[in-house]
C-alpha atoms as a PDB file:
ATOM      1  CA  MET A   1       0.267  -0.101  -0.261  1.00  0.00           C
ATOM      2  CA  GLN A   2       1.407   3.360  -0.811  1.00  0.00           C
ATOM      3  CA  SER A   3       2.237   5.806   1.419  1.00  0.00           C
ATOM      4  CA  PRO A   4       1.711   9.991   2.350  1.00  0.00           C
ATOM      5  CA  ILE A   5       4.166  11.928   0.259  1.00  0.00           C
ATOM      6  CA  ILE A   6       3.724  13.628   4.080  1.00  0.00           C
ATOM      7  CA  SER A   7       2.015  13.222   7.547  1.00  0.00           C
ATOM      8  CA  THR A   8       1.844  14.137  10.499  1.00  0.00           C
ATOM      9  CA  GLN A   9       1.222  12.624  13.838  1.00  0.00           C
ATOM     10  CA  SER A  10      -0.474  15.431  16.666  1.00  0.00           C
ATOM     11  CA  LEU A  11       1.586  18.129  15.684  1.00  0.00           C
ATOM     12  CA  SER A  12       3.123  21.070  17.900  1.00  0.00           C
ATOM     13  CA  LYS A  13       4.400  24.218  18.030  1.00  0.00           C
ATOM     14  CA  THR A  14       4.969  26.310  21.051  1.00  0.00           C
ATOM     15  CA  VAL A  15       7.119  30.154  20.836  1.00  0.00           C
ATOM     16  CA  SER A  16       7.924  30.247  24.881  1.00  0.00           C
ATOM     17  CA  THR A  17       8.084  34.264  25.833  1.00  0.00           C
ATOM     18  CA  LYS A  18       9.602  36.046  29.175  1.00  0.00           C
ATOM     19  CA  GLN A  19       5.279  37.024  29.494  1.00  0.00           C
ATOM     20  CA  GLU A  20       3.619  33.948  27.965  1.00  0.00           C
ATOM     21  CA  HIS A  21       3.849  30.258  26.459  1.00  0.00           C
ATOM     22  CA  LEU A  22       1.975  31.171  22.355  1.00  0.00           C
ATOM     23  CA  THR A  23       0.681  28.010  21.087  1.00  0.00           C
ATOM     24  CA  ILE A  24       1.048  28.291  17.101  1.00  0.00           C
ATOM     25  CA  LEU A  25       0.130  24.933  16.154  1.00  0.00           C
ATOM     26  CA  LYS A  26      -2.363  21.926  18.514  1.00  0.00           C
ATOM     27  CA  GLU A  27      -2.172  18.410  17.654  1.00  0.00           C
ATOM     28  CA  VAL A  28      -2.825  18.631  13.894  1.00  0.00           C
ATOM     29  CA  ASN A  29      -3.125  15.482  11.809  1.00  0.00           C
ATOM     30  CA  VAL A  30      -2.608  15.829   7.564  1.00  0.00           C
ATOM     31  CA  GLU A  31      -2.232  12.862   5.696  1.00  0.00           C
ATOM     32  CA  ILE A  32      -0.513  14.349   1.905  1.00  0.00           C
ATOM     33  CA  TRP A  33      -0.972  11.804  -1.340  1.00  0.00           C
ATOM     34  CA  GLN A  34       2.528  13.293  -4.017  1.00  0.00           C
ATOM     35  CA  GLY A  35       0.921  15.001  -7.237  1.00  0.00           C
ATOM     36  CA  GLU A  36      -1.510  15.420  -4.684  1.00  0.00           C
ATOM     37  CA  SER A  37      -2.436  20.141  -5.068  1.00  0.00           C
ATOM     38  CA  VAL A  38      -3.158  21.641  -1.743  1.00  0.00           C
ATOM     39  CA  ALA A  39      -4.211  24.621  -0.047  1.00  0.00           C
ATOM     40  CA  ILE A  40      -3.424  26.119   3.227  1.00  0.00           C
ATOM     41  CA  ILE A  41      -5.546  28.818   3.601  1.00  0.00           C
ATOM     42  CA  GLY A  42      -7.066  30.812   6.412  1.00  0.00           C
ATOM     43  CA  THR A  43      -6.142  34.430   7.997  1.00  0.00           C
ATOM     44  CA  SER A  44      -3.195  36.238   9.279  1.00  0.00           C
ATOM     45  CA  GLY A  45      -1.690  34.488  11.803  1.00  0.00           C
ATOM     46  CA  ALA A  46      -3.280  31.780  11.941  1.00  0.00           C
ATOM     47  CA  GLY A  47      -0.214  29.011  11.380  1.00  0.00           C
ATOM     48  CA  LYS A  48       0.027  29.296   7.871  1.00  0.00           C
ATOM     49  CA  SER A  49       3.657  28.807   7.296  1.00  0.00           C
ATOM     50  CA  THR A  50       3.937  27.511  10.451  1.00  0.00           C
ATOM     51  CA  LEU A  51       2.687  24.163   9.585  1.00  0.00           C
ATOM     52  CA  MET A  52       4.318  24.988   6.084  1.00  0.00           C
ATOM     53  CA  THR A  53       7.596  25.853   7.645  1.00  0.00           C
ATOM     54  CA  LEU A  54       7.269  22.475  10.152  1.00  0.00           C
ATOM     55  CA  LEU A  55       6.250  20.255   6.927  1.00  0.00           C
ATOM     56  CA  ALA A  56       9.661  21.676   4.573  1.00  0.00           C
ATOM     57  CA  GLY A  57      11.860  20.578   7.328  1.00  0.00           C
ATOM     58  CA  LEU A  58      12.871  24.332   8.018  1.00  0.00           C
ATOM     59  CA  ASP A  59      12.650  24.643  11.418  1.00  0.00           C
ATOM     60  CA  VAL A  60      11.395  21.905  14.180  1.00  0.00           C
ATOM     61  CA  ALA A  61       8.048  21.426  16.422  1.00  0.00           C
ATOM     62  CA  SER A  62       7.993  21.396  19.822  1.00  0.00           C
ATOM     63  CA  GLU A  63       6.130  18.245  20.015  1.00  0.00           C
ATOM     64  CA  GLY A  64       4.729  15.580  17.440  1.00  0.00           C
ATOM     65  CA  GLU A  65       5.905  14.395  13.946  1.00  0.00           C
ATOM     66  CA  VAL A  66       6.319  14.538  10.698  1.00  0.00           C
ATOM     67  CA  THR A  67       7.702  12.232   8.274  1.00  0.00           C
ATOM     68  CA  ILE A  68       8.835  12.723   4.801  1.00  0.00           C
ATOM     69  CA  LEU A  69       9.608  10.713   2.203  1.00  0.00           C
ATOM     70  CA  GLY A  70       9.620   7.847   4.242  1.00  0.00           C
ATOM     71  CA  LYS A  71      11.834   9.401   6.885  1.00  0.00           C
ATOM     72  CA  LYS A  72      10.956  11.476  10.691  1.00  0.00           C
ATOM     73  CA  LEU A  73      13.048  14.343  10.799  1.00  0.00           C
ATOM     74  CA  SER A  74      13.148  13.588  14.065  1.00  0.00           C
ATOM     75  CA  THR A  75      15.252  11.555  13.268  1.00  0.00           C
ATOM     76  CA  LEU A  76      17.342  13.654  11.183  1.00  0.00           C
ATOM     77  CA  ASP A  77      20.116  16.838  11.888  1.00  0.00           C
ATOM     78  CA  ASP A  78      20.120  19.399  10.280  1.00  0.00           C
ATOM     79  CA  GLU A  79      22.731  18.219   7.660  1.00  0.00           C
ATOM     80  CA  ALA A  80      20.005  14.948   6.783  1.00  0.00           C
ATOM     81  CA  ARG A  81      17.294  17.773   7.141  1.00  0.00           C
ATOM     82  CA  ALA A  82      19.038  20.244   4.660  1.00  0.00           C
ATOM     83  CA  LEU A  83      20.503  17.052   2.012  1.00  0.00           C
ATOM     84  CA  LEU A  84      16.381  15.788   2.325  1.00  0.00           C
ATOM     85  CA  ARG A  85      15.415  19.712   1.424  1.00  0.00           C
ATOM     86  CA  ALA A  86      18.662  20.343  -1.993  1.00  0.00           C
ATOM     87  CA  SER A  87      17.200  16.913  -3.197  1.00  0.00           C
ATOM     88  CA  SER A  88      13.727  16.677  -3.320  1.00  0.00           C
ATOM     89  CA  ILE A  89      11.495  19.536  -2.329  1.00  0.00           C
ATOM     90  CA  GLY A  90      11.101  23.502  -3.570  1.00  0.00           C
ATOM     91  CA  PHE A  91      10.270  26.839  -2.360  1.00  0.00           C
ATOM     92  CA  VAL A  92       8.639  29.397  -3.938  1.00  0.00           C
ATOM     93  CA  PHE A  93       8.524  32.540  -2.719  1.00  0.00           C
ATOM     94  CA  GLN A  94       6.345  35.720  -2.187  1.00  0.00           C
ATOM     95  CA  SER A  95       9.576  37.934  -2.384  1.00  0.00           C
ATOM     96  CA  PHE A  96      11.247  35.820  -5.376  1.00  0.00           C
ATOM     97  CA  LEU A  97      13.876  35.084  -3.585  1.00  0.00           C
ATOM     98  CA  LEU A  98      16.594  35.449  -6.558  1.00  0.00           C
ATOM     99  CA  ILE A  99      20.400  36.394  -6.175  1.00  0.00           C
ATOM    100  CA  PRO A 100      20.827  40.376  -7.816  1.00  0.00           C
ATOM    101  CA  SER A 101      23.727  39.420  -9.741  1.00  0.00           C
ATOM    102  CA  LEU A 102      23.022  36.758 -11.343  1.00  0.00           C
ATOM    103  CA  SER A 103      21.213  35.995 -14.565  1.00  0.00           C
ATOM    104  CA  ALA A 104      17.928  34.339 -15.275  1.00  0.00           C
ATOM    105  CA  ILE A 105      19.394  31.017 -16.428  1.00  0.00           C
ATOM    106  CA  ASP A 106      22.142  31.782 -13.527  1.00  0.00           C
ATOM    107  CA  ASN A 107      19.207  31.562 -11.014  1.00  0.00           C
ATOM    108  CA  VAL A 108      17.701  28.640 -11.935  1.00  0.00           C
ATOM    109  CA  THR A 109      20.751  26.524 -12.236  1.00  0.00           C
ATOM    110  CA  LEU A 110      22.007  27.819  -8.925  1.00  0.00           C
ATOM    111  CA  PRO A 111      20.237  24.937  -7.451  1.00  0.00           C
ATOM    112  CA  CYS A 112      22.582  22.175  -8.967  1.00  0.00           C
ATOM    113  CA  LEU A 113      25.420  24.408  -7.638  1.00  0.00           C
ATOM    114  CA  LEU A 114      24.269  24.894  -3.937  1.00  0.00           C
ATOM    115  CA  ASN A 115      24.027  20.313  -4.164  1.00  0.00           C
ATOM    116  CA  GLY A 116      27.545  19.591  -5.874  1.00  0.00           C
ATOM    117  CA  GLN A 117      26.567  18.795  -9.154  1.00  0.00           C
ATOM    118  CA  LYS A 118      27.113  19.958 -11.978  1.00  0.00           C
ATOM    119  CA  GLU A 119      24.963  23.231 -14.782  1.00  0.00           C
ATOM    120  CA  ASP A 120      22.320  21.855 -16.161  1.00  0.00           C
ATOM    121  CA  LYS A 121      22.184  24.639 -18.895  1.00  0.00           C
ATOM    122  CA  GLN A 122      19.890  23.499 -20.829  1.00  0.00           C
ATOM    123  CA  ARG A 123      17.321  21.163 -18.357  1.00  0.00           C
ATOM    124  CA  ALA A 124      17.152  25.591 -16.760  1.00  0.00           C
ATOM    125  CA  THR A 125      17.173  26.938 -20.471  1.00  0.00           C
ATOM    126  CA  GLU A 126      14.177  24.523 -21.643  1.00  0.00           C
ATOM    127  CA  LEU A 127      12.253  25.987 -17.867  1.00  0.00           C
ATOM    128  CA  LEU A 128      12.780  29.373 -18.403  1.00  0.00           C
ATOM    129  CA  HIS A 129      10.887  29.215 -22.800  1.00  0.00           C
ATOM    130  CA  SER A 130       8.512  26.926 -20.610  1.00  0.00           C
ATOM    131  CA  VAL A 131       7.623  29.533 -17.789  1.00  0.00           C
ATOM    132  CA  GLY A 132       7.865  31.920 -21.091  1.00  0.00           C
ATOM    133  CA  LEU A 133      10.954  33.419 -20.924  1.00  0.00           C
ATOM    134  CA  ALA A 134      13.073  32.679 -23.348  1.00  0.00           C
ATOM    135  CA  ALA A 135      14.531  36.093 -25.035  1.00  0.00           C
ATOM    136  CA  ARG A 136      15.289  36.795 -20.340  1.00  0.00           C
ATOM    137  CA  LEU A 137      18.031  34.425 -20.078  1.00  0.00           C
ATOM    138  CA  HIS A 138      20.564  36.708 -19.687  1.00  0.00           C
ATOM    139  CA  HIS A 139      18.512  39.457 -17.820  1.00  0.00           C
ATOM    140  CA  THR A 140      19.118  40.038 -14.096  1.00  0.00           C
ATOM    141  CA  PRO A 141      16.820  40.634 -11.626  1.00  0.00           C
ATOM    142  CA  GLY A 142      16.686  43.832 -11.287  1.00  0.00           C
ATOM    143  CA  GLN A 143      15.891  43.859 -15.296  1.00  0.00           C
ATOM    144  CA  LEU A 144      13.072  42.100 -14.935  1.00  0.00           C
ATOM    145  CA  SER A 145       8.892  42.423 -13.674  1.00  0.00           C
ATOM    146  CA  GLY A 146       7.568  41.189 -10.790  1.00  0.00           C
ATOM    147  CA  GLY A 147       6.566  38.541 -12.834  1.00  0.00           C
ATOM    148  CA  GLU A 148       9.193  37.517 -14.459  1.00  0.00           C
ATOM    149  CA  GLN A 149      11.472  37.166 -11.950  1.00  0.00           C
ATOM    150  CA  GLN A 150       8.662  34.981 -10.220  1.00  0.00           C
ATOM    151  CA  ARG A 151       8.643  33.281 -13.491  1.00  0.00           C
ATOM    152  CA  VAL A 152      12.846  33.042 -12.178  1.00  0.00           C
ATOM    153  CA  ALA A 153      11.613  31.455  -9.242  1.00  0.00           C
ATOM    154  CA  LEU A 154       9.213  29.006 -11.247  1.00  0.00           C
ATOM    155  CA  ALA A 155      11.758  27.942 -12.306  1.00  0.00           C
ATOM    156  CA  ARG A 156      14.600  27.736 -10.406  1.00  0.00           C
ATOM    157  CA  ALA A 157      12.280  25.690  -8.212  1.00  0.00           C
ATOM    158  CA  PHE A 158      11.464  22.643 -10.510  1.00  0.00           C
ATOM    159  CA  MET A 159      15.002  22.518 -11.555  1.00  0.00           C
ATOM    160  CA  THR A 160      16.214  19.224  -9.325  1.00  0.00           C
ATOM    161  CA  GLN A 161      13.261  18.184 -10.303  1.00  0.00           C
ATOM    162  CA  PRO A 162      11.821  17.634  -6.282  1.00  0.00           C
ATOM    163  CA  LYS A 163       8.712  15.924  -5.624  1.00  0.00           C
ATOM    164  CA  ILE A 164       7.308  18.280  -3.617  1.00  0.00           C
ATOM    165  CA  LEU A 165       6.435  22.227  -3.799  1.00  0.00           C
ATOM    166  CA  PHE A 166       6.364  24.929  -1.507  1.00  0.00           C
ATOM    167  CA  ALA A 167       4.464  27.517  -2.007  1.00  0.00           C
ATOM    168  CA  ASP A 168       4.090  30.544   0.554  1.00  0.00           C
ATOM    169  CA  GLU A 169       2.098  33.160  -1.007  1.00  0.00           C
ATOM    170  CA  PRO A 170       3.315  32.617  -4.476  1.00  0.00           C
ATOM    171  CA  THR A 171       1.875  35.799  -5.524  1.00  0.00           C
ATOM    172  CA  GLY A 172       1.550  37.989  -2.769  1.00  0.00           C
ATOM    173  CA  ASN A 173       3.480  40.628  -4.497  1.00  0.00           C
ATOM    174  CA  LEU A 174       1.472  40.825  -8.234  1.00  0.00           C
ATOM    175  CA  ASP A 175      -1.414  42.158  -9.905  1.00  0.00           C
ATOM    176  CA  GLN A 176      -3.815  40.332 -10.817  1.00  0.00           C
ATOM    177  CA  ASP A 177      -3.417  39.633 -14.096  1.00  0.00           C
ATOM    178  CA  THR A 178       0.750  38.351 -13.792  1.00  0.00           C
ATOM    179  CA  ALA A 179      -1.041  37.119 -10.970  1.00  0.00           C
ATOM    180  CA  ASN A 180      -2.949  34.294 -12.780  1.00  0.00           C
ATOM    181  CA  THR A 181      -0.281  33.592 -15.179  1.00  0.00           C
ATOM    182  CA  VAL A 182       1.886  32.565 -12.412  1.00  0.00           C
ATOM    183  CA  ILE A 183      -1.041  30.104 -11.036  1.00  0.00           C
ATOM    184  CA  ASP A 184      -1.384  28.623 -14.630  1.00  0.00           C
ATOM    185  CA  LEU A 185       2.042  27.909 -14.778  1.00  0.00           C
ATOM    186  CA  LEU A 186       3.031  26.157 -11.239  1.00  0.00           C
ATOM    187  CA  PHE A 187      -0.197  23.960 -12.293  1.00  0.00           C
ATOM    188  CA  ASP A 188       0.487  23.020 -15.271  1.00  0.00           C
ATOM    189  CA  LEU A 189       4.120  22.169 -13.777  1.00  0.00           C
ATOM    190  CA  ASN A 190       2.712  20.395 -10.898  1.00  0.00           C
ATOM    191  CA  GLU A 191       0.339  18.552 -13.166  1.00  0.00           C
ATOM    192  CA  GLN A 192       3.900  17.695 -15.751  1.00  0.00           C
ATOM    193  CA  HIS A 193       6.584  16.673 -12.895  1.00  0.00           C
ATOM    194  CA  GLY A 194       4.021  14.687 -10.950  1.00  0.00           C
ATOM    195  CA  THR A 195       4.792  16.857  -8.535  1.00  0.00           C
ATOM    196  CA  THR A 196       2.705  17.508  -4.918  1.00  0.00           C
ATOM    197  CA  LEU A 197       1.984  20.863  -4.636  1.00  0.00           C
ATOM    198  CA  ILE A 198       1.922  22.673  -1.387  1.00  0.00           C
ATOM    199  CA  LEU A 199       0.136  26.178  -1.397  1.00  0.00           C
ATOM    200  CA  VAL A 200      -0.162  29.131   1.473  1.00  0.00           C
ATOM    201  CA  THR A 201      -2.272  31.295   0.682  1.00  0.00           C
ATOM    202  CA  HIS A 202      -5.233  33.819   0.954  1.00  0.00           C
ATOM    203  CA  ASP A 203      -6.804  33.774  -1.836  1.00  0.00           C
ATOM    204  CA  PRO A 204      -9.458  31.573  -2.110  1.00  0.00           C
ATOM    205  CA  GLU A 205     -10.166  31.436  -5.953  1.00  0.00           C
ATOM    206  CA  LEU A 206      -6.690  30.665  -5.622  1.00  0.00           C
ATOM    207  CA  ALA A 207      -6.869  27.405  -3.209  1.00  0.00           C
ATOM    208  CA  ALA A 208     -10.513  26.563  -5.389  1.00  0.00           C
ATOM    209  CA  ARG A 209      -8.488  25.317  -7.941  1.00  0.00           C
ATOM    210  CA  CYS A 210      -6.425  23.173  -5.172  1.00  0.00           C
ATOM    211  CA  GLN A 211      -7.353  19.738  -5.180  1.00  0.00           C
ATOM    212  CA  ARG A 212      -7.925  19.821  -1.376  1.00  0.00           C
ATOM    213  CA  ARG A 213      -8.175  23.255   1.235  1.00  0.00           C
ATOM    214  CA  LEU A 214      -6.498  22.531   4.480  1.00  0.00           C
ATOM    215  CA  TYR A 215      -8.116  25.101   6.350  1.00  0.00           C
ATOM    216  CA  MET A 216      -6.285  27.167   9.725  1.00  0.00           C
ATOM    217  CA  GLN A 217      -7.617  28.737  12.233  1.00  0.00           C
ATOM    218  CA  HIS A 218      -6.117  29.092  16.007  1.00  0.00           C
ATOM    219  CA  GLY A 219      -3.735  26.946  15.765  1.00  0.00           C
ATOM    220  CA  GLU A 220      -5.860  23.717  14.673  1.00  0.00           C
ATOM    221  CA  LEU A 221      -6.173  22.413  11.366  1.00  0.00           C
ATOM    222  CA  GLU A 222      -9.539  21.394   9.660  1.00  0.00           C
ATOM    223  CA  GLU A 223      -9.868  20.280   6.385  1.00  0.00           C
ATOM    224  CA  ARG A 224     -12.814  21.562   4.111  1.00  0.00           C
ATOM    225  CA  THR A 225     -14.795  20.541   1.035  1.00  0.00           C
END
């Protein structure tokens, strides 16, 4: 029987300050399967991004467990979690996070260098073609519009053929027309590569395009149809 690509067991996150203990996540249990598109939705401060960082192994839970690609994150050290992310997980953030001094194609091949692999300029070129940037390969981020920069970030996220792609408010800094283009590309790439897509968003239209919607409220998770 196939196992979920990501699962959590009683996942909780508490942050302590001098004044109080803040519970950000409360005993979250969820299973996500290969190839699914899943939206994590909810109001600001509901715990959406915290859940994403825990699912991706970017942060450590206070209690509970995350299992990703058959590996329990609690059994991995920082280096092993970083290797898992580098080999199997892609990220697209609201703020693009491109290197200003690098061209579009060099930003896209950067994950190869970070993984100790040879730069695959041909694959990077194909990915930039697929997101409509064939004429912008050698432009730096400063020479690109916000929508073009986000498309470079999308191409970069798919460079290492990730099994899972996390996107945190990927259209938050874009106008509606550009946002729609980026959303279409996200789902096209998801379908072409069979990549599991996990979106953090407050956009109901974007959430509606996903196969499943997980609603965060006061640190608790509820699935909605």
